[in-house]
PDB file of N, CA and C in Angstrom:
ATOM      1  N   MET A   1     -16.585  97.073 114.842  1.00  0.00           N
ATOM      2  CA  MET A   1     -16.518  96.961 113.350  1.00  0.00           C
ATOM      3  C   MET A   1     -15.878  98.218 112.991  1.00  0.00           C
ATOM      4  N   ALA A   2     -14.619  98.228 112.247  1.00  0.00           N
ATOM      5  CA  ALA A   2     -14.039  99.082 111.366  1.00  0.00           C
ATOM      6  C   ALA A   2     -15.221  99.899 110.606  1.00  0.00           C
ATOM      7  N   ASP A   3     -14.692 100.842 110.470  1.00  0.00           N
ATOM      8  CA  ASP A   3     -15.896 101.362 108.788  1.00  0.00           C
ATOM      9  C   ASP A   3     -15.256 100.846 107.739  1.00  0.00           C
ATOM     10  N   ARG A   4     -14.394 100.484 107.135  1.00  0.00           N
ATOM     11  CA  ARG A   4     -14.429  99.240 106.079  1.00  0.00           C
ATOM     12  C   ARG A   4     -15.034  98.258 106.163  1.00  0.00           C
ATOM     13  N   ASP A   5     -15.198  97.470 107.567  1.00  0.00           N
ATOM     14  CA  ASP A   5     -15.715  96.438 107.733  1.00  0.00           C
ATOM     15  C   ASP A   5     -17.513  96.736 107.700  1.00  0.00           C
ATOM     16  N   ASP A   6     -17.671  97.600 108.115  1.00  0.00           N
ATOM     17  CA  ASP A   6     -19.303  98.037 108.122  1.00  0.00           C
ATOM     18  C   ASP A   6     -19.516  98.604 106.408  1.00  0.00           C
ATOM     19  N   GLU A   7     -18.538  99.214 105.790  1.00  0.00           N
ATOM     20  CA  GLU A   7     -18.874  99.175 104.317  1.00  0.00           C
ATOM     21  C   GLU A   7     -19.150  97.959 103.926  1.00  0.00           C
ATOM     22  N   ILE A   8     -18.572  97.017 104.127  1.00  0.00           N
ATOM     23  CA  ILE A   8     -18.556  95.598 103.602  1.00  0.00           C
ATOM     24  C   ILE A   8     -19.993  95.119 103.546  1.00  0.00           C
ATOM     25  N   MET A   9     -19.919  95.104 104.985  1.00  0.00           N
ATOM     26  CA  MET A   9     -21.204  94.373 105.552  1.00  0.00           C
ATOM     27  C   MET A   9     -22.500  94.807 104.764  1.00  0.00           C
ATOM     28  N   SER A  10     -22.582  96.372 104.671  1.00  0.00           N
ATOM     29  CA  SER A  10     -23.523  97.077 104.063  1.00  0.00           C
ATOM     30  C   SER A  10     -23.783  96.625 102.730  1.00  0.00           C
ATOM     31  N   ALA A  11     -22.538  96.242 101.883  1.00  0.00           N
ATOM     32  CA  ALA A  11     -22.932  96.182 100.368  1.00  0.00           C
ATOM     33  C   ALA A  11     -23.139  94.905 100.163  1.00  0.00           C
ATOM     34  N   LEU A  12     -22.992  93.897 101.277  1.00  0.00           N
ATOM     35  CA  LEU A  12     -23.160  92.668 101.313  1.00  0.00           C
ATOM     36  C   LEU A  12     -24.791  92.241 101.479  1.00  0.00           C
ATOM     37  N   ALA A  13     -25.043  93.043 102.308  1.00  0.00           N
ATOM     38  CA  ALA A  13     -26.577  92.910 102.819  1.00  0.00           C
ATOM     39  C   ALA A  13     -27.243  93.543 101.623  1.00  0.00           C
ATOM     40  N   HIS A  14     -26.679  94.415 100.785  1.00  0.00           N
ATOM     41  CA  HIS A  14     -27.570  94.913  99.617  1.00  0.00           C
ATOM     42  C   HIS A  14     -27.444  93.833  98.315  1.00  0.00           C
ATOM     43  N   SER A  15     -26.409  93.212  98.259  1.00  0.00           N
ATOM     44  CA  SER A  15     -26.077  92.326  97.258  1.00  0.00           C
ATOM     45  C   SER A  15     -27.127  90.860  97.776  1.00  0.00           C
ATOM     46  N   ILE A  16     -26.914  90.628  98.994  1.00  0.00           N
ATOM     47  CA  ILE A  16     -28.435  89.578  99.321  1.00  0.00           C
ATOM     48  C   ILE A  16     -29.623  89.970  98.770  1.00  0.00           C
ATOM     49  N   SER A  17     -30.106  91.416  99.100  1.00  0.00           N
ATOM     50  CA  SER A  17     -31.135  92.049  98.578  1.00  0.00           C
ATOM     51  C   SER A  17     -31.415  91.824  97.119  1.00  0.00           C
ATOM     52  N   VAL A  18     -30.534  92.318  96.413  1.00  0.00           N
ATOM     53  CA  VAL A  18     -30.472  92.142  95.016  1.00  0.00           C
ATOM     54  C   VAL A  18     -30.715  90.515  94.505  1.00  0.00           C
ATOM     55  N   THR A  19     -29.802  89.634  95.222  1.00  0.00           N
ATOM     56  CA  THR A  19     -30.268  88.105  94.845  1.00  0.00           C
ATOM     57  C   THR A  19     -31.236  87.496  95.343  1.00  0.00           C
ATOM     58  N   TYR A  20     -32.075  87.946  96.414  1.00  0.00           N
ATOM     59  CA  TYR A  20     -33.465  87.615  96.723  1.00  0.00           C
ATOM     60  C   TYR A  20     -34.573  88.208  95.737  1.00  0.00           C
ATOM     61  N   SER A  21     -34.394  89.395  95.132  1.00  0.00           N
ATOM     62  CA  SER A  21     -34.932  89.884  94.220  1.00  0.00           C
ATOM     63  C   SER A  21     -35.492  89.367  92.737  1.00  0.00           C
ATOM     64  N   LEU A  22     -33.899  88.552  92.571  1.00  0.00           N
ATOM     65  CA  LEU A  22     -34.388  87.681  91.234  1.00  0.00           C
ATOM     66  C   LEU A  22     -34.604  86.574  91.654  1.00  0.00           C
ATOM     67  N   LEU A  23     -34.320  86.123  92.964  1.00  0.00           N
ATOM     68  CA  LEU A  23     -35.463  84.928  93.345  1.00  0.00           C
ATOM     69  C   LEU A  23     -36.732  84.989  93.086  1.00  0.00           C
ATOM     70  N   VAL A  24     -37.126  86.107  93.501  1.00  0.00           N
ATOM     71  CA  VAL A  24     -38.499  86.482  93.449  1.00  0.00           C
ATOM     72  C   VAL A  24     -39.143  86.661  91.624  1.00  0.00           C
ATOM     73  N   ASP A  25     -37.902  87.289  90.901  1.00  0.00           N
ATOM     74  CA  ASP A  25     -38.485  87.189  89.432  1.00  0.00           C
ATOM     75  C   ASP A  25     -38.358  85.493  89.395  1.00  0.00           C
ATOM     76  N   VAL A  26     -37.565  84.996  89.411  1.00  0.00           N
ATOM     77  CA  VAL A  26     -37.620  83.782  88.793  1.00  0.00           C
ATOM     78  C   VAL A  26     -38.937  82.870  89.318  1.00  0.00           C
ATOM     79  N   CYS A  27     -38.836  82.948  90.510  1.00  0.00           N
ATOM     80  CA  CYS A  27     -40.334  82.509  91.006  1.00  0.00           C
ATOM     81  C   CYS A  27     -41.493  82.646  90.343  1.00  0.00           C
ATOM     82  N   GLN A  28     -41.709  83.835  90.115  1.00  0.00           N
ATOM     83  CA  GLN A  28     -42.868  84.335  89.233  1.00  0.00           C
ATOM     84  C   GLN A  28     -43.042  84.041  87.831  1.00  0.00           C
ATOM     85  N   ALA A  29     -41.750  83.902  86.933  1.00  0.00           N
ATOM     86  CA  ALA A  29     -41.731  82.851  85.694  1.00  0.00           C
ATOM     87  C   ALA A  29     -41.651  81.597  85.812  1.00  0.00           C
ATOM     88  N   LEU A  30     -41.902  80.933  87.047  1.00  0.00           N
ATOM     89  CA  LEU A  30     -41.717  79.739  87.047  1.00  0.00           C
ATOM     90  C   LEU A  30     -43.025  79.094  86.316  1.00  0.00           C
ATOM     91  N   PRO A  31     -43.216  77.446  85.800  1.00  0.00           N
ATOM     92  CA  PRO A  31     -44.363  77.282  85.186  1.00  0.00           C
ATOM     93  C   PRO A  31     -45.462  76.990  85.915  1.00  0.00           C
ATOM     94  N   VAL A  32     -45.335  77.094  86.826  1.00  0.00           N
ATOM     95  CA  VAL A  32     -46.532  76.935  88.341  1.00  0.00           C
ATOM     96  C   VAL A  32     -45.830  77.992  89.424  1.00  0.00           C
ATOM     97  N   PRO A  33     -46.046  79.137  89.049  1.00  0.00           N
ATOM     98  CA  PRO A  33     -45.597  80.216  89.963  1.00  0.00           C
ATOM     99  C   PRO A  33     -45.611  80.395  91.516  1.00  0.00           C
ATOM    100  N   VAL A  34     -44.524  80.664  91.976  1.00  0.00           N
ATOM    101  CA  VAL A  34     -44.200  80.348  93.259  1.00  0.00           C
ATOM    102  C   VAL A  34     -44.113  81.850  93.942  1.00  0.00           C
ATOM    103  N   SER A  35     -45.119  81.973  94.838  1.00  0.00           N
ATOM    104  CA  SER A  35     -44.838  83.563  95.275  1.00  0.00           C
ATOM    105  C   SER A  35     -44.189  83.679  96.511  1.00  0.00           C
ATOM    106  N   MET A  36     -43.390  84.642  96.406  1.00  0.00           N
ATOM    107  CA  MET A  36     -42.483  85.119  97.858  1.00  0.00           C
ATOM    108  C   MET A  36     -42.589  86.360  98.356  1.00  0.00           C
ATOM    109  N   PRO A  37     -42.263  86.559  99.517  1.00  0.00           N
ATOM    110  CA  PRO A  37     -42.614  87.586 100.322  1.00  0.00           C
ATOM    111  C   PRO A  37     -42.059  89.064  99.866  1.00  0.00           C
ATOM    112  N   THR A  38     -42.519  90.018  99.345  1.00  0.00           N
ATOM    113  CA  THR A  38     -41.959  90.831  98.467  1.00  0.00           C
ATOM    114  C   THR A  38     -42.036  92.571  99.084  1.00  0.00           C
ATOM    115  N   ASP A  39     -42.272  92.537 100.546  1.00  0.00           N
ATOM    116  CA  ASP A  39     -42.386  93.544 101.197  1.00  0.00           C
ATOM    117  C   ASP A  39     -41.027  94.544 100.725  1.00  0.00           C
ATOM    118  N   ARG A  40     -40.989  95.951 101.256  1.00  0.00           N
ATOM    119  CA  ARG A  40     -39.832  96.500 101.014  1.00  0.00           C
ATOM    120  C   ARG A  40     -38.734  96.332 102.191  1.00  0.00           C
ATOM    121  N   ARG A  41     -38.939  95.924 103.015  1.00  0.00           N
ATOM    122  CA  ARG A  41     -38.066  95.289 104.047  1.00  0.00           C
ATOM    123  C   ARG A  41     -38.211  93.827 104.414  1.00  0.00           C
ATOM    124  N   ILE A  42     -37.857  92.846 103.825  1.00  0.00           N
ATOM    125  CA  ILE A  42     -38.663  91.473 104.259  1.00  0.00           C
ATOM    126  C   ILE A  42     -37.097  90.925 105.401  1.00  0.00           C
ATOM    127  N   PRO A  43     -37.674  90.702 106.559  1.00  0.00           N
ATOM    128  CA  PRO A  43     -36.919  90.322 107.564  1.00  0.00           C
ATOM    129  C   PRO A  43     -36.295  88.919 107.206  1.00  0.00           C
ATOM    130  N   THR A  44     -35.617  88.108 107.420  1.00  0.00           N
ATOM    131  CA  THR A  44     -34.940  86.924 107.286  1.00  0.00           C
ATOM    132  C   THR A  44     -35.835  85.980 107.866  1.00  0.00           C
ATOM    133  N   SER A  45     -36.576  86.395 108.918  1.00  0.00           N
ATOM    134  CA  SER A  45     -37.632  85.105 109.544  1.00  0.00           C
ATOM    135  C   SER A  45     -38.610  84.978 108.359  1.00  0.00           C
ATOM    136  N   ALA A  46     -39.007  85.847 107.459  1.00  0.00           N
ATOM    137  CA  ALA A  46     -39.623  85.656 106.453  1.00  0.00           C
ATOM    138  C   ALA A  46     -39.068  85.170 105.207  1.00  0.00           C
ATOM    139  N   ALA A  47     -37.849  85.655 104.844  1.00  0.00           N
ATOM    140  CA  ALA A  47     -37.594  85.179 103.674  1.00  0.00           C
ATOM    141  C   ALA A  47     -36.657  84.100 103.575  1.00  0.00           C
ATOM    142  N   VAL A  48     -36.278  83.299 104.846  1.00  0.00           N
ATOM    143  CA  VAL A  48     -35.506  82.145 104.727  1.00  0.00           C
ATOM    144  C   VAL A  48     -36.321  81.195 104.677  1.00  0.00           C
ATOM    145  N   PRO A  49     -37.748  80.885 105.244  1.00  0.00           N
ATOM    146  CA  PRO A  49     -38.586  80.041 105.024  1.00  0.00           C
ATOM    147  C   PRO A  49     -39.283  79.878 103.622  1.00  0.00           C
ATOM    148  N   ALA A  50     -39.273  81.202 103.102  1.00  0.00           N
ATOM    149  CA  ALA A  50     -39.795  80.963 101.423  1.00  0.00           C
ATOM    150  C   ALA A  50     -38.755  80.884 100.766  1.00  0.00           C
ATOM    151  N   ILE A  51     -37.464  81.005 100.900  1.00  0.00           N
ATOM    152  CA  ILE A  51     -36.297  80.172 100.221  1.00  0.00           C
ATOM    153  C   ILE A  51     -36.241  78.713 100.017  1.00  0.00           C
ATOM    154  N   ARG A  52     -36.403  78.620 101.520  1.00  0.00           N
ATOM    155  CA  ARG A  52     -36.373  77.020 101.698  1.00  0.00           C
ATOM    156  C   ARG A  52     -37.606  76.560 100.941  1.00  0.00           C
ATOM    157  N   ARG A  53     -38.984  77.291 101.143  1.00  0.00           N
ATOM    158  CA  ARG A  53     -39.870  76.386 100.221  1.00  0.00           C
ATOM    159  C   ARG A  53     -39.382  76.589  98.971  1.00  0.00           C
ATOM    160  N   ALA A  54     -38.951  77.698  98.006  1.00  0.00           N
ATOM    161  CA  ALA A  54     -38.809  77.312  96.899  1.00  0.00           C
ATOM    162  C   ALA A  54     -37.492  76.173  96.452  1.00  0.00           C
ATOM    163  N   ALA A  55     -36.936  75.880  97.083  1.00  0.00           N
ATOM    164  CA  ALA A  55     -35.882  75.015  96.992  1.00  0.00           C
ATOM    165  C   ALA A  55     -36.821  73.828  96.802  1.00  0.00           C
ATOM    166  N   ALA A  56     -37.480  73.804  97.989  1.00  0.00           N
ATOM    167  CA  ALA A  56     -38.328  72.426  98.082  1.00  0.00           C
ATOM    168  C   ALA A  56     -38.991  71.938  96.881  1.00  0.00           C
ATOM    169  N   LEU A  57     -39.571  73.250  96.449  1.00  0.00           N
ATOM    170  CA  LEU A  57     -40.551  73.111  95.444  1.00  0.00           C
ATOM    171  C   LEU A  57     -40.102  72.926  93.997  1.00  0.00           C
ATOM    172  N   ALA A  58     -38.645  72.745  93.735  1.00  0.00           N
ATOM    173  CA  ALA A  58     -37.880  72.910  92.523  1.00  0.00           C
ATOM    174  C   ALA A  58     -38.097  71.706  91.812  1.00  0.00           C
ATOM    175  N   GLY A  59     -38.217  70.734  92.426  1.00  0.00           N
ATOM    176  CA  GLY A  59     -38.547  69.029  92.109  1.00  0.00           C
ATOM    177  C   GLY A  59     -39.835  68.912  91.418  1.00  0.00           C
ATOM    178  N   GLU A  60     -40.916  69.855  91.940  1.00  0.00           N
ATOM    179  CA  GLU A  60     -42.213  69.676  91.397  1.00  0.00           C
ATOM    180  C   GLU A  60     -42.446  70.600  90.253  1.00  0.00           C
ATOM    181  N   GLN A  61     -41.639  71.116  89.893  1.00  0.00           N
ATOM    182  CA  GLN A  61     -41.727  72.306  88.556  1.00  0.00           C
ATOM    183  C   GLN A  61     -41.990  71.236  87.388  1.00  0.00           C
ATOM    184  N   PRO A  62     -42.925  71.829  86.601  1.00  0.00           N
ATOM    185  CA  PRO A  62     -42.867  70.803  85.387  1.00  0.00           C
ATOM    186  C   PRO A  62     -41.572  71.423  84.581  1.00  0.00           C
ATOM    187  N   MET A  63     -40.279  71.363  84.331  1.00  0.00           N
ATOM    188  CA  MET A  63     -39.542  71.898  83.625  1.00  0.00           C
ATOM    189  C   MET A  63     -38.363  70.377  84.006  1.00  0.00           C
ATOM    190  N   GLY A  64     -37.170  70.621  83.034  1.00  0.00           N
ATOM    191  CA  GLY A  64     -35.939  69.720  83.293  1.00  0.00           C
ATOM    192  C   GLY A  64     -34.969  69.605  84.340  1.00  0.00           C
ATOM    193  N   GLU A  65     -34.266  68.805  84.574  1.00  0.00           N
ATOM    194  CA  GLU A  65     -33.280  68.429  85.708  1.00  0.00           C
ATOM    195  C   GLU A  65     -32.509  69.640  85.669  1.00  0.00           C
ATOM    196  N   ASP A  66     -32.172  69.876  84.645  1.00  0.00           N
ATOM    197  CA  ASP A  66     -31.185  71.039  84.768  1.00  0.00           C
ATOM    198  C   ASP A  66     -31.721  72.206  85.187  1.00  0.00           C
ATOM    199  N   GLN A  67     -32.614  72.916  84.897  1.00  0.00           N
ATOM    200  CA  GLN A  67     -33.282  73.949  85.083  1.00  0.00           C
ATOM    201  C   GLN A  67     -33.842  73.610  87.010  1.00  0.00           C
ATOM    202  N   GLU A  68     -34.293  72.565  87.289  1.00  0.00           N
ATOM    203  CA  GLU A  68     -34.704  72.515  88.684  1.00  0.00           C
ATOM    204  C   GLU A  68     -33.400  72.501  89.388  1.00  0.00           C
ATOM    205  N   ALA A  69     -32.087  72.203  89.155  1.00  0.00           N
ATOM    206  CA  ALA A  69     -30.954  72.130  89.976  1.00  0.00           C
ATOM    207  C   ALA A  69     -30.440  73.311  89.666  1.00  0.00           C
ATOM    208  N   HIS A  70     -30.865  74.320  88.581  1.00  0.00           N
ATOM    209  CA  HIS A  70     -30.633  75.757  88.842  1.00  0.00           C
ATOM    210  C   HIS A  70     -31.402  76.567  90.106  1.00  0.00           C
ATOM    211  N   LEU A  71     -32.435  76.117  90.139  1.00  0.00           N
ATOM    212  CA  LEU A  71     -33.455  76.935  91.168  1.00  0.00           C
ATOM    213  C   LEU A  71     -32.806  76.381  92.371  1.00  0.00           C
ATOM    214  N   PHE A  72     -32.699  75.186  92.617  1.00  0.00           N
ATOM    215  CA  PHE A  72     -32.307  74.334  93.843  1.00  0.00           C
ATOM    216  C   PHE A  72     -30.852  74.951  94.344  1.00  0.00           C
ATOM    217  N   THR A  73     -29.675  75.084  93.413  1.00  0.00           N
ATOM    218  CA  THR A  73     -28.302  75.917  93.661  1.00  0.00           C
ATOM    219  C   THR A  73     -28.797  76.771  93.994  1.00  0.00           C
ATOM    220  N   GLY A  74     -29.474  77.923  93.336  1.00  0.00           N
ATOM    221  CA  GLY A  74     -29.484  79.275  93.462  1.00  0.00           C
ATOM    222  C   GLY A  74     -30.227  79.665  94.989  1.00  0.00           C
ATOM    223  N   CYS A  75     -31.213  78.700  95.440  1.00  0.00           N
ATOM    224  CA  CYS A  75     -31.775  78.989  96.753  1.00  0.00           C
ATOM    225  C   CYS A  75     -31.020  78.658  97.629  1.00  0.00           C
ATOM    226  N   ILE A  76     -29.803  77.355  97.811  1.00  0.00           N
ATOM    227  CA  ILE A  76     -28.786  76.840  98.888  1.00  0.00           C
ATOM    228  C   ILE A  76     -28.095  77.686  98.976  1.00  0.00           C
ATOM    229  N   HIS A  77     -27.714  78.247  97.648  1.00  0.00           N
ATOM    230  CA  HIS A  77     -26.374  79.231  97.675  1.00  0.00           C
ATOM    231  C   HIS A  77     -26.969  80.773  98.156  1.00  0.00           C
ATOM    232  N   LEU A  78     -28.011  81.057  98.285  1.00  0.00           N
ATOM    233  CA  LEU A  78     -28.639  82.258  98.673  1.00  0.00           C
ATOM    234  C   LEU A  78     -28.485  82.244 100.559  1.00  0.00           C
ATOM    235  N   LEU A  79     -29.257  80.905 100.714  1.00  0.00           N
ATOM    236  CA  LEU A  79     -29.092  80.486 102.293  1.00  0.00           C
ATOM    237  C   LEU A  79     -27.953  80.267 103.034  1.00  0.00           C
ATOM    238  N   ALA A  80     -26.923  79.812 102.204  1.00  0.00           N
ATOM    239  CA  ALA A  80     -25.858  80.004 102.648  1.00  0.00           C
ATOM    240  C   ALA A  80     -25.096  81.249 103.036  1.00  0.00           C
ATOM    241  N   ALA A  81     -25.457  82.235 102.166  1.00  0.00           N
ATOM    242  CA  ALA A  81     -24.738  83.296 102.283  1.00  0.00           C
ATOM    243  C   ALA A  81     -25.459  84.026 103.275  1.00  0.00           C
ATOM    244  N   ILE A  82     -26.904  84.182 103.294  1.00  0.00           N
ATOM    245  CA  ILE A  82     -27.375  84.552 104.767  1.00  0.00           C
ATOM    246  C   ILE A  82     -26.997  84.184 105.917  1.00  0.00           C
ATOM    247  N   ASP A  83     -26.570  82.754 106.154  1.00  0.00           N
ATOM    248  CA  ASP A  83     -26.260  82.159 107.169  1.00  0.00           C
ATOM    249  C   ASP A  83     -24.920  82.766 107.624  1.00  0.00           C
ATOM    250  N   LEU A  84     -24.075  82.896 106.338  1.00  0.00           N
ATOM    251  CA  LEU A  84     -22.207  83.402 106.506  1.00  0.00           C
ATOM    252  C   LEU A  84     -22.604  84.975 106.993  1.00  0.00           C
ATOM    253  N   TYR A  85     -23.464  85.472 106.686  1.00  0.00           N
ATOM    254  CA  TYR A  85     -23.620  87.183 106.728  1.00  0.00           C
ATOM    255  C   TYR A  85     -24.049  87.143 108.298  1.00  0.00           C
ATOM    256  N   ALA A  86     -24.931  86.512 108.410  1.00  0.00           N
ATOM    257  CA  ALA A  86     -25.410  86.641 110.170  1.00  0.00           C
ATOM    258  C   ALA A  86     -24.245  86.013 110.740  1.00  0.00           C
ATOM    259  N   LEU A  87     -23.362  85.158 110.696  1.00  0.00           N
ATOM    260  CA  LEU A  87     -22.113  85.187 111.311  1.00  0.00           C
ATOM    261  C   LEU A  87     -20.912  86.246 111.345  1.00  0.00           C
ATOM    262  N   CYS A  88     -20.978  86.902 110.289  1.00  0.00           N
ATOM    263  CA  CYS A  88     -20.229  88.262 110.153  1.00  0.00           C
ATOM    264  C   CYS A  88     -20.779  89.127 111.218  1.00  0.00           C
ATOM    265  N   ALA A  89     -22.298  89.282 110.852  1.00  0.00           N
ATOM    266  CA  ALA A  89     -22.729  90.155 111.935  1.00  0.00           C
ATOM    267  C   ALA A  89     -22.332  90.400 113.609  1.00  0.00           C
ATOM    268  N   THR A  90     -22.452  88.994 113.727  1.00  0.00           N
ATOM    269  CA  THR A  90     -22.234  88.428 115.292  1.00  0.00           C
ATOM    270  C   THR A  90     -20.793  89.035 115.708  1.00  0.00           C
ATOM    271  N   ARG A  91     -19.888  88.715 114.428  1.00  0.00           N
ATOM    272  CA  ARG A  91     -18.324  88.699 114.632  1.00  0.00           C
ATOM    273  C   ARG A  91     -17.880  88.468 113.258  1.00  0.00           C
ATOM    274  N   TYR A  92     -17.316  89.663 112.882  1.00  0.00           N
ATOM    275  CA  TYR A  92     -17.135  89.792 111.519  1.00  0.00           C
ATOM    276  C   TYR A  92     -15.454  89.041 111.189  1.00  0.00           C
ATOM    277  N   ASP A  93     -15.517  88.545 110.274  1.00  0.00           N
ATOM    278  CA  ASP A  93     -14.547  87.741 109.835  1.00  0.00           C
ATOM    279  C   ASP A  93     -14.145  88.174 108.107  1.00  0.00           C
ATOM    280  N   GLN A  94     -12.958  88.124 107.696  1.00  0.00           N
ATOM    281  CA  GLN A  94     -13.105  88.541 106.431  1.00  0.00           C
ATOM    282  C   GLN A  94     -13.118  87.187 105.595  1.00  0.00           C
ATOM    283  N   THR A  95     -12.882  85.935 105.519  1.00  0.00           N
ATOM    284  CA  THR A  95     -13.224  84.807 105.331  1.00  0.00           C
ATOM    285  C   THR A  95     -14.406  84.333 104.862  1.00  0.00           C
ATOM    286  N   ARG A  96     -15.246  84.632 106.071  1.00  0.00           N
ATOM    287  CA  ARG A  96     -16.877  84.605 106.019  1.00  0.00           C
ATOM    288  C   ARG A  96     -17.101  85.688 105.232  1.00  0.00           C
ATOM    289  N   ALA A  97     -16.797  86.845 105.238  1.00  0.00           N
ATOM    290  CA  ALA A  97     -17.425  87.900 104.140  1.00  0.00           C
ATOM    291  C   ALA A  97     -16.999  87.701 102.968  1.00  0.00           C
ATOM    292  N   GLU A  98     -15.994  86.785 102.568  1.00  0.00           N
ATOM    293  CA  GLU A  98     -15.681  86.422 101.231  1.00  0.00           C
ATOM    294  C   GLU A  98     -16.851  85.521 100.876  1.00  0.00           C
ATOM    295  N   GLY A  99     -16.754  84.408 101.768  1.00  0.00           N
ATOM    296  CA  GLY A  99     -17.948  83.519 101.609  1.00  0.00           C
ATOM    297  C   GLY A  99     -19.379  84.012 101.095  1.00  0.00           C
ATOM    298  N   VAL A 100     -19.925  85.046 102.113  1.00  0.00           N
ATOM    299  CA  VAL A 100     -20.897  85.508 101.464  1.00  0.00           C
ATOM    300  C   VAL A 100     -21.027  85.780  99.902  1.00  0.00           C
ATOM    301  N   GLY A 101     -19.839  86.630  99.498  1.00  0.00           N
ATOM    302  CA  GLY A 101     -19.872  87.432  98.173  1.00  0.00           C
ATOM    303  C   GLY A 101     -19.591  85.821  97.448  1.00  0.00           C
ATOM    304  N   VAL A 102     -18.695  85.026  97.738  1.00  0.00           N
ATOM    305  CA  VAL A 102     -18.815  83.705  96.554  1.00  0.00           C
ATOM    306  C   VAL A 102     -20.301  82.769  96.130  1.00  0.00           C
ATOM    307  N   ASN A 103     -20.576  82.657  97.685  1.00  0.00           N
ATOM    308  CA  ASN A 103     -22.374  82.197  97.818  1.00  0.00           C
ATOM    309  C   ASN A 103     -23.189  82.860  96.459  1.00  0.00           C
ATOM    310  N   LEU A 104     -22.860  84.293  96.793  1.00  0.00           N
ATOM    311  CA  LEU A 104     -24.119  85.114  96.331  1.00  0.00           C
ATOM    312  C   LEU A 104     -23.785  85.117  94.592  1.00  0.00           C
ATOM    313  N   LEU A 105     -22.852  84.983  94.105  1.00  0.00           N
ATOM    314  CA  LEU A 105     -22.217  84.994  92.625  1.00  0.00           C
ATOM    315  C   LEU A 105     -22.706  83.417  92.026  1.00  0.00           C
ATOM    316  N   HIS A 106     -22.528  82.349  93.027  1.00  0.00           N
ATOM    317  CA  HIS A 106     -22.978  81.426  92.683  1.00  0.00           C
ATOM    318  C   HIS A 106     -24.675  81.317  92.531  1.00  0.00           C
ATOM    319  N   ALA A 107     -25.185  81.647  93.614  1.00  0.00           N
ATOM    320  CA  ALA A 107     -26.591  81.788  93.340  1.00  0.00           C
ATOM    321  C   ALA A 107     -27.062  82.929  91.966  1.00  0.00           C
ATOM    322  N   ASP A 108     -26.313  83.773  91.947  1.00  0.00           N
ATOM    323  CA  ASP A 108     -26.658  84.684  90.742  1.00  0.00           C
ATOM    324  C   ASP A 108     -26.816  84.076  89.416  1.00  0.00           C
ATOM    325  N   ASP A 109     -25.329  83.277  89.372  1.00  0.00           N
ATOM    326  CA  ASP A 109     -25.261  82.560  88.245  1.00  0.00           C
ATOM    327  C   ASP A 109     -26.450  81.813  87.989  1.00  0.00           C
ATOM    328  N   ALA A 110     -26.778  80.706  88.657  1.00  0.00           N
ATOM    329  CA  ALA A 110     -27.481  79.916  88.650  1.00  0.00           C
ATOM    330  C   ALA A 110     -29.344  80.485  88.244  1.00  0.00           C
ATOM    331  N   LEU A 111     -29.543  81.486  89.438  1.00  0.00           N
ATOM    332  CA  LEU A 111     -30.836  81.894  88.670  1.00  0.00           C
ATOM    333  C   LEU A 111     -31.084  82.930  87.529  1.00  0.00           C
ATOM    334  N   ARG A 112     -30.017  83.546  87.070  1.00  0.00           N
ATOM    335  CA  ARG A 112     -29.835  84.412  85.982  1.00  0.00           C
ATOM    336  C   ARG A 112     -30.067  82.927  84.830  1.00  0.00           C
ATOM    337  N   THR A 113     -29.416  82.200  84.876  1.00  0.00           N
ATOM    338  CA  THR A 113     -29.384  80.799  83.982  1.00  0.00           C
ATOM    339  C   THR A 113     -30.920  80.450  83.813  1.00  0.00           C
ATOM    340  N   LEU A 114     -31.432  80.155  84.753  1.00  0.00           N
ATOM    341  CA  LEU A 114     -32.878  80.144  84.985  1.00  0.00           C
ATOM    342  C   LEU A 114     -33.655  80.911  84.409  1.00  0.00           C
ATOM    343  N   LEU A 115     -33.647  81.744  84.774  1.00  0.00           N
ATOM    344  CA  LEU A 115     -34.333  82.932  84.129  1.00  0.00           C
ATOM    345  C   LEU A 115     -34.391  83.216  82.694  1.00  0.00           C
ATOM    346  N   VAL A 116     -33.377  83.257  82.429  1.00  0.00           N
ATOM    347  CA  VAL A 116     -33.216  83.205  80.436  1.00  0.00           C
ATOM    348  C   VAL A 116     -33.887  82.199  80.264  1.00  0.00           C
ATOM    349  N   TRP A 117     -33.753  81.299  80.700  1.00  0.00           N
ATOM    350  CA  TRP A 117     -34.206  79.974  79.901  1.00  0.00           C
ATOM    351  C   TRP A 117     -35.645  80.158  80.202  1.00  0.00           C
ATOM    352  N   LEU A 118     -36.464  80.473  81.556  1.00  0.00           N
ATOM    353  CA  LEU A 118     -37.915  80.332  81.425  1.00  0.00           C
ATOM    354  C   LEU A 118     -38.263  81.222  80.632  1.00  0.00           C
ATOM    355  N   LEU A 119     -37.762  82.761  80.374  1.00  0.00           N
ATOM    356  CA  LEU A 119     -38.166  83.761  79.519  1.00  0.00           C
ATOM    357  C   LEU A 119     -38.193  83.209  78.048  1.00  0.00           C
ATOM    358  N   ALA A 120     -37.372  82.501  77.674  1.00  0.00           N
ATOM    359  CA  ALA A 120     -37.107  81.871  76.380  1.00  0.00           C
ATOM    360  C   ALA A 120     -38.317  80.848  76.213  1.00  0.00           C
ATOM    361  N   ASN A 121     -38.749  79.938  77.303  1.00  0.00           N
ATOM    362  CA  ASN A 121     -39.470  79.034  77.258  1.00  0.00           C
ATOM    363  C   ASN A 121     -41.057  79.228  77.627  1.00  0.00           C
ATOM    364  N   ALA A 122     -40.860  80.686  77.586  1.00  0.00           N
ATOM    365  CA  ALA A 122     -42.594  80.869  78.507  1.00  0.00           C
ATOM    366  C   ALA A 122     -43.639  80.751  76.956  1.00  0.00           C
ATOM    367  N   GLY A 123     -44.728  80.261  77.453  1.00  0.00           N
ATOM    368  CA  GLY A 123     -45.694  80.099  76.573  1.00  0.00           C
ATOM    369  C   GLY A 123     -47.051  79.804  77.057  1.00  0.00           C
TER     370      GLY A 123
END
């Protein structure tokens, strides 16, 4: 990979980590908290099953359909970003890298919207 490609991959890896941290915060704020792995460096072998579990539990949380959809949406977009990142790590492709970024934007938007709602309705 060229230096620029390495920089892009590094930035995407950091962004994935930030979005995962947001998901951890959301999961802790849920009406029935869901614990997620929070080690300093979480391997995808631990993060991906935890994200899948959070997505599966979205419908079991005592909150509205919109909130369930935000949690599910955030999880599936984060998973898609991770998958595209893995493909880029194997063979870099600008379109895939852009796909990682777009999926992270959608995940962040859904998770931030949900976190605001959770914090406003905590009780």
